[in-house]
Amino acid sequence: MHEENIEVSPVVRRRAELLGTAGQEWLAELPALVADLEHRWSVTVGPPLRAGAGGYVARVRTEDGTPAVLKLALPEPGSAGQIATLLRAGGRGYVRVLDHDTDRFALLMEHLGPSLSELALPPERQIAVLCATLRHAWQVPRSPELLAAAADEDKATGLARLVERLWRELGRPCSVAAYDRAMTYAERRAAAHCPSRAVVVHGDPHPGNLLSLPARGTQRTGAESGFVFVDPDGFLADPAYDLGVVLRGWCAELLSGDAPRLARRYCALLAEESGADAAAVWEWGYLERVSTALYLLSHGAEAPSRPYFDTAEALVDASP
């Protein structure tokens, strides 16, 4: 592996730079880290696999020629937690880990096939596959560290603080009605928070984070859907939170049709497939829609933020 082949996407580079000294050191040391792990794990590293936002990801081959994937995550607080979640999952609902170095946020993982988002399936079919896989992912054992974190602050309260701060700092980029709706839903979800009933959620289970098993017909416990998740955030929350993240998507479909009707349909499907409360799914979905729009805009991604803002406005008076 030659140092000149080490490339990171502009998004990863910007995120690294925003981390300050730690991020700059990560970028500078990345070629040496790749070379060291290539030797240590006896793999041959190829070009970057995909333009991931969380670090450097490349296709590799093990000593016996087996394809695998190397991921070197950015030195962010959640990176160690991602490794811990995957290790506790043991391949149930998630990608299998072949080797890891938690101190350097490094993972050697099984090679997987195309993501759900690449298969051009109808939203209804994607929702069914996502829910089927989430049911396995939610079985990851809860650690004492996660329980302590959930007791300190729930996800809804954290999102409310983010929305309030960014909405004001960014000059109120969405309507007061959309902001108020998101904050009302955050208050309701925070009031419903119960650590004893929380599960280890993925945190960002969109179709791009759900990858197919490499061979059709592959039988595997915890992956009966034929797919497994990658890149978990791995914190304790109401399972409906993950479903709300799924509902947050489908902006193109919503904006090209009757947004309230379609959103209600997707929400009902998510509740039916998972057994979750439809109102909770709806409220998490709207809160995620507004918080994601603000987060993207705060990082200079104005164009990607716009569909989330537009759908939030279209759904401001809707309910499940």
Protein backbone atom coordinates (compact mmCIF):
# COMPACT_ATOMS: atom_id res chain seq x y z
CA MET A 1 0.00 0.00 0.00
CA HIS A 2 1.52 3.31 -1.06
CA GLU A 3 0.93 6.49 0.89
CA GLU A 4 -0.22 8.33 -2.24
CA ASN A 5 -3.20 5.95 -2.45
CA ILE A 6 -4.56 7.12 0.90
CA GLU A 7 -7.47 9.41 0.11
CA VAL A 8 -10.26 10.73 2.28
CA SER A 9 -13.41 12.42 1.08
CA PRO A 10 -13.86 16.19 1.46
CA VAL A 11 -16.56 15.51 4.08
CA VAL A 12 -14.20 13.37 6.17
CA ARG A 13 -11.40 15.90 5.81
CA ARG A 14 -13.67 18.72 6.98
CA ARG A 15 -14.93 16.70 9.94
CA ALA A 16 -11.36 15.88 10.89
CA GLU A 17 -10.33 19.51 10.69
CA LEU A 18 -13.25 20.51 12.92
CA LEU A 19 -11.84 18.18 15.59
CA GLY A 20 -8.84 20.47 15.93
CA THR A 21 -5.45 19.04 16.82
CA ALA A 22 -6.74 15.47 17.20
CA GLY A 23 -8.27 15.53 13.74
CA GLN A 24 -5.21 17.10 12.10
CA GLU A 25 -2.97 14.48 13.69
CA TRP A 26 -5.31 11.72 12.48
CA LEU A 27 -5.07 12.99 8.90
CA ALA A 28 -1.27 13.29 9.09
CA GLU A 29 -0.80 9.84 10.63
CA LEU A 30 -3.36 8.01 8.48
CA PRO A 31 -0.89 6.63 5.88
CA ALA A 32 1.38 5.23 8.60
CA LEU A 33 -1.59 3.76 10.47
CA VAL A 34 -2.87 2.01 7.35
CA ALA A 35 0.59 0.60 6.66
CA ASP A 36 0.97 -0.61 10.23
CA LEU A 37 -2.42 -2.37 10.28
CA GLU A 38 -1.75 -3.85 6.85
CA HIS A 39 1.30 -5.56 8.33
CA ARG A 40 -0.24 -6.38 11.71
CA TRP A 41 -3.42 -7.95 10.31
CA SER A 42 -1.72 -9.50 7.26
CA VAL A 43 -3.98 -7.80 4.73
CA THR A 44 -3.45 -6.07 1.42
CA VAL A 45 -5.20 -2.71 1.33
CA GLY A 46 -6.87 -1.54 -1.86
CA PRO A 47 -8.42 1.80 -2.79
CA PRO A 48 -11.12 3.43 -0.67
CA LEU A 49 -14.33 1.41 -0.73
CA ARG A 50 -16.82 4.24 -0.42
CA ALA A 51 -16.97 7.88 0.47
CA GLY A 52 -18.02 7.33 4.06
CA ALA A 53 -18.46 10.31 6.37
CA GLY A 54 -17.06 8.70 9.50
CA GLY A 55 -13.49 7.91 8.49
CA TYR A 56 -11.32 6.03 6.03
CA VAL A 57 -12.89 2.86 4.58
CA ALA A 58 -11.09 0.57 2.13
CA ARG A 59 -11.48 -2.85 0.58
CA VAL A 60 -8.77 -5.30 1.65
CA ARG A 61 -7.79 -8.93 1.11
CA THR A 62 -6.63 -11.19 3.88
CA GLU A 63 -3.61 -13.47 3.61
CA ASP A 64 -5.71 -16.29 2.15
CA GLY A 65 -7.38 -14.00 -0.40
CA THR A 66 -10.65 -13.48 1.47
CA PRO A 67 -12.19 -10.04 0.84
CA ALA A 68 -12.69 -7.85 3.91
CA VAL A 69 -13.09 -4.18 4.81
CA LEU A 70 -10.81 -1.89 6.82
CA LYS A 71 -12.31 1.09 8.61
CA LEU A 72 -10.33 3.73 10.48
CA ALA A 73 -12.84 5.95 12.25
CA LEU A 74 -12.28 9.58 13.08
CA PRO A 75 -11.06 10.20 16.65
CA GLU A 76 -14.51 11.17 17.87
CA PRO A 77 -16.14 10.17 21.19
CA GLY A 78 -18.59 7.80 19.49
CA SER A 79 -15.98 5.84 17.56
CA ALA A 80 -15.00 3.58 20.45
CA GLY A 81 -18.68 3.03 21.19
CA GLN A 82 -19.26 1.88 17.63
CA ILE A 83 -16.63 -0.82 18.02
CA ALA A 84 -18.09 -1.89 21.36
CA THR A 85 -21.58 -2.18 19.85
CA LEU A 86 -20.36 -4.34 16.97
CA LEU A 87 -18.41 -6.60 19.30
CA ARG A 88 -21.39 -7.11 21.61
CA ALA A 89 -23.64 -7.80 18.62
CA GLY A 90 -21.49 -10.71 17.47
CA GLY A 91 -22.87 -10.48 13.94
CA ARG A 92 -26.56 -10.46 14.96
CA GLY A 93 -28.12 -7.64 13.00
CA TYR A 94 -24.68 -6.15 12.41
CA VAL A 95 -21.55 -6.67 10.34
CA ARG A 96 -19.10 -9.20 11.77
CA VAL A 97 -15.82 -7.92 13.21
CA LEU A 98 -12.73 -9.91 12.22
CA ASP A 99 -10.25 -7.84 14.26
CA HIS A 100 -10.14 -4.48 15.98
CA ASP A 101 -7.96 -1.91 17.73
CA THR A 102 -10.15 0.23 19.97
CA ASP A 103 -7.35 2.61 20.93
CA ARG A 104 -6.86 3.56 17.28
CA PHE A 105 -10.54 3.30 16.30
CA ALA A 106 -9.69 0.60 13.76
CA LEU A 107 -11.91 -2.22 12.51
CA LEU A 108 -11.35 -5.16 10.19
CA MET A 109 -14.78 -6.36 9.09
CA GLU A 110 -16.38 -8.89 6.80
CA HIS A 111 -16.99 -7.84 3.23
CA LEU A 112 -20.64 -7.19 2.40
CA GLY A 113 -22.68 -6.55 -0.71
CA PRO A 114 -24.62 -3.50 -1.93
CA SER A 115 -26.57 -1.36 0.50
CA LEU A 116 -30.36 -1.35 0.59
CA SER A 117 -30.32 2.16 -0.87
CA GLU A 118 -28.53 0.87 -3.99
CA LEU A 119 -31.14 -1.78 -4.80
CA ALA A 120 -33.92 0.59 -5.92
CA LEU A 121 -36.61 -1.22 -3.94
CA PRO A 122 -39.94 0.53 -3.20
CA PRO A 123 -40.01 2.40 0.14
CA GLU A 124 -42.53 -0.09 1.55
CA ARG A 125 -40.19 -3.01 0.89
CA GLN A 126 -37.21 -1.11 2.31
CA ILE A 127 -39.18 -0.36 5.47
CA ALA A 128 -40.00 -4.06 5.92
CA VAL A 129 -36.33 -5.07 5.55
CA LEU A 130 -35.13 -2.31 7.88
CA CYS A 131 -37.60 -3.31 10.58
CA ALA A 132 -36.79 -7.02 10.26
CA THR A 133 -33.10 -6.30 10.74
CA LEU A 134 -33.64 -3.79 13.53
CA ARG A 135 -35.47 -6.41 15.57
CA HIS A 136 -32.18 -8.35 15.71
CA ALA A 137 -30.02 -5.26 16.20
CA TRP A 138 -32.07 -4.23 19.24
CA GLN A 139 -31.00 -7.43 21.00
CA VAL A 140 -27.44 -6.19 21.56
CA PRO A 141 -26.71 -6.51 25.32
CA ARG A 142 -26.82 -3.30 27.34
CA SER A 143 -23.59 -2.36 29.10
CA PRO A 144 -23.30 -0.57 32.47
CA GLU A 145 -21.71 2.38 30.66
CA LEU A 146 -24.72 2.75 28.36
CA LEU A 147 -27.14 2.50 31.26
CA ALA A 148 -25.27 5.23 33.12
CA ALA A 149 -25.26 7.49 30.06
CA ALA A 150 -29.00 6.97 29.52
CA ALA A 151 -29.67 7.91 33.14
CA ASP A 152 -27.72 11.16 32.75
CA GLU A 153 -29.49 12.44 29.62
CA ASP A 154 -32.00 11.06 27.15
CA LYS A 155 -31.78 11.45 23.38
CA ALA A 156 -34.80 13.74 23.10
CA THR A 157 -33.38 16.24 25.58
CA GLY A 158 -30.08 16.28 23.71
CA LEU A 159 -31.84 16.87 20.39
CA ALA A 160 -33.95 19.65 21.90
CA ARG A 161 -30.81 21.46 23.03
CA LEU A 162 -29.27 21.04 19.59
CA VAL A 163 -32.38 22.33 17.80
CA GLU A 164 -32.75 25.34 20.11
CA ARG A 165 -29.10 26.33 19.79
CA LEU A 166 -28.74 25.86 16.04
CA TRP A 167 -32.09 27.45 15.17
CA ARG A 168 -30.99 30.65 16.86
CA GLU A 169 -27.34 30.56 15.73
CA LEU A 170 -28.32 29.97 12.09
CA GLY A 171 -30.81 32.83 11.99
CA ARG A 172 -34.02 30.82 12.31
CA PRO A 173 -33.78 28.97 8.98
CA CYS A 174 -37.18 27.26 9.36
CA SER A 175 -40.55 28.60 10.44
CA VAL A 176 -41.49 29.20 14.05
CA ALA A 177 -44.24 26.62 13.58
CA ALA A 178 -41.76 23.91 12.52
CA TYR A 179 -39.41 24.81 15.35
CA ASP A 180 -42.21 24.77 17.92
CA ARG A 181 -43.50 21.43 16.62
CA ALA A 182 -40.05 19.85 16.92
CA MET A 183 -39.59 21.20 20.45
CA THR A 184 -43.05 19.98 21.52
CA TYR A 185 -42.28 16.50 20.24
CA ALA A 186 -38.89 16.57 21.99
CA GLU A 187 -40.62 17.40 25.27
CA ARG A 188 -43.07 14.52 24.82
CA ARG A 189 -40.36 12.00 23.96
CA ALA A 190 -38.21 13.15 26.89
CA ALA A 191 -41.16 12.70 29.26
CA ALA A 192 -41.65 9.16 27.95
CA HIS A 193 -37.97 8.20 28.40
CA CYS A 194 -37.55 5.07 30.51
CA PRO A 195 -34.00 3.61 30.70
CA SER A 196 -35.26 0.24 31.91
CA ARG A 197 -37.24 -0.22 28.68
CA ALA A 198 -34.60 1.25 26.38
CA VAL A 199 -32.63 -0.84 23.90
CA VAL A 200 -29.29 -0.35 22.19
CA VAL A 201 -30.46 1.51 19.12
CA HIS A 202 -28.46 1.80 15.92
CA GLY A 203 -28.93 5.56 15.92
CA ASP A 204 -28.81 6.12 12.15
CA PRO A 205 -30.47 3.12 10.45
CA HIS A 206 -31.05 4.63 7.03
CA PRO A 207 -30.97 2.35 3.93
CA GLY A 208 -27.38 3.32 3.16
CA ASN A 209 -26.24 1.80 6.45
CA LEU A 210 -27.94 -1.55 5.76
CA LEU A 211 -25.77 -3.80 3.58
CA SER A 212 -26.64 -7.10 1.96
CA LEU A 213 -24.92 -10.36 2.80
CA PRO A 214 -22.35 -11.18 0.11
CA ALA A 215 -24.08 -14.26 -1.31
CA ARG A 216 -27.73 -14.83 -2.06
CA GLY A 217 -29.26 -17.55 0.05
CA THR A 218 -26.68 -17.13 2.81
CA GLN A 219 -28.15 -18.40 6.08
CA ARG A 220 -27.07 -16.63 9.23
CA THR A 221 -28.61 -16.25 12.66
CA GLY A 222 -29.55 -12.64 13.25
CA ALA A 223 -29.42 -11.81 9.55
CA GLU A 224 -32.47 -13.65 8.25
CA SER A 225 -33.46 -10.53 6.31
CA GLY A 226 -30.36 -10.99 4.18
CA PHE A 227 -28.94 -7.69 5.43
CA VAL A 228 -26.91 -6.36 8.37
CA PHE A 229 -26.19 -2.87 9.66
CA VAL A 230 -22.88 -0.99 9.69
CA ASP A 231 -21.81 2.23 11.46
CA PRO A 232 -23.94 2.11 14.64
CA ASP A 233 -24.03 4.99 17.10
CA GLY A 234 -25.03 2.47 19.76
CA PHE A 235 -26.78 4.26 22.65
CA LEU A 236 -29.81 3.44 24.79
CA ALA A 237 -33.15 4.80 23.65
CA ASP A 238 -36.74 3.94 22.86
CA PRO A 239 -36.78 1.56 19.84
CA ALA A 240 -39.18 4.02 18.21
CA TYR A 241 -36.23 6.41 17.92
CA ASP A 242 -34.61 4.22 15.25
CA LEU A 243 -37.94 3.98 13.45
CA GLY A 244 -38.22 7.76 13.54
CA VAL A 245 -34.85 8.00 11.83
CA VAL A 246 -36.19 5.72 9.09
CA LEU A 247 -39.32 7.90 8.77
CA ARG A 248 -37.08 10.98 8.53
CA GLY A 249 -36.05 9.86 5.05
CA TRP A 250 -38.04 9.58 1.82
CA CYS A 251 -37.85 13.34 1.22
CA ALA A 252 -38.01 12.96 -2.58
CA GLU A 253 -41.14 10.83 -2.36
CA LEU A 254 -42.83 13.16 0.10
CA LEU A 255 -42.04 16.30 -1.89
CA SER A 256 -43.25 14.79 -5.17
CA GLY A 257 -46.66 13.75 -3.82
CA ASP A 258 -49.09 14.21 -0.96
CA ALA A 259 -46.54 14.53 1.85
CA PRO A 260 -48.90 14.07 4.83
CA ARG A 261 -50.61 11.05 3.27
CA LEU A 262 -47.33 9.33 2.35
CA ALA A 263 -45.72 10.09 5.71
CA ARG A 264 -48.74 8.63 7.52
CA ARG A 265 -48.51 5.50 5.35
CA TYR A 266 -44.80 5.02 6.04
CA CYS A 267 -45.34 5.66 9.75
CA ALA A 268 -48.15 3.10 9.91
CA LEU A 269 -45.95 0.53 8.15
CA LEU A 270 -43.09 1.13 10.56
CA ALA A 271 -45.41 0.69 13.55
CA GLU A 272 -47.01 -2.42 12.06
CA GLU A 273 -43.69 -4.08 11.17
CA SER A 274 -42.10 -3.34 14.56
CA GLY A 275 -44.95 -3.28 17.05
CA ALA A 276 -43.99 0.26 18.10
CA ASP A 277 -46.42 3.07 18.89
CA ALA A 278 -47.18 5.06 15.73
CA ALA A 279 -47.38 8.38 17.58
CA ALA A 280 -43.92 7.86 19.07
CA VAL A 281 -42.50 6.99 15.65
CA TRP A 282 -44.09 10.10 14.14
CA GLU A 283 -42.78 12.42 16.85
CA TRP A 284 -39.24 11.03 16.68
CA GLY A 285 -39.37 11.28 12.88
CA TYR A 286 -40.35 14.95 12.90
CA LEU A 287 -37.79 15.84 15.56
CA GLU A 288 -35.10 14.05 13.55
CA ARG A 289 -36.21 15.81 10.35
CA VAL A 290 -35.73 19.26 11.87
CA SER A 291 -32.57 18.45 13.84
CA THR A 292 -30.94 16.84 10.79
CA ALA A 293 -31.73 19.86 8.63
CA LEU A 294 -30.18 22.21 11.19
CA TYR A 295 -27.16 19.98 11.72
CA LEU A 296 -26.43 19.77 7.99
CA LEU A 297 -26.82 23.52 7.55
CA SER A 298 -24.48 24.17 10.47
CA HIS A 299 -21.80 22.16 8.63
CA GLY A 300 -22.23 24.16 5.43
CA ALA A 301 -24.34 21.52 3.65
CA GLU A 302 -27.10 23.90 2.58
CA ALA A 303 -28.34 21.90 -0.41
CA PRO A 304 -28.63 18.56 1.48
CA SER A 305 -30.42 20.33 4.34
CA ARG A 306 -33.14 21.80 2.14
CA PRO A 307 -35.28 18.65 1.57
CA TYR A 308 -35.45 18.09 5.34
CA PHE A 309 -36.53 21.68 5.94
CA ASP A 310 -39.10 21.49 3.12
CA THR A 311 -40.63 18.24 4.35
CA ALA A 312 -40.73 19.55 7.91
CA GLU A 313 -42.76 22.52 6.70
CA ALA A 314 -45.04 20.25 4.67
CA LEU A 315 -45.74 18.07 7.72
CA VAL A 316 -45.95 20.77 10.39
CA ASP A 317 -49.73 20.43 10.80
CA ALA A 318 -49.94 16.68 10.09
CA SER A 319 -50.29 13.84 12.54
CA PRO A 320 -50.15 10.03 12.26
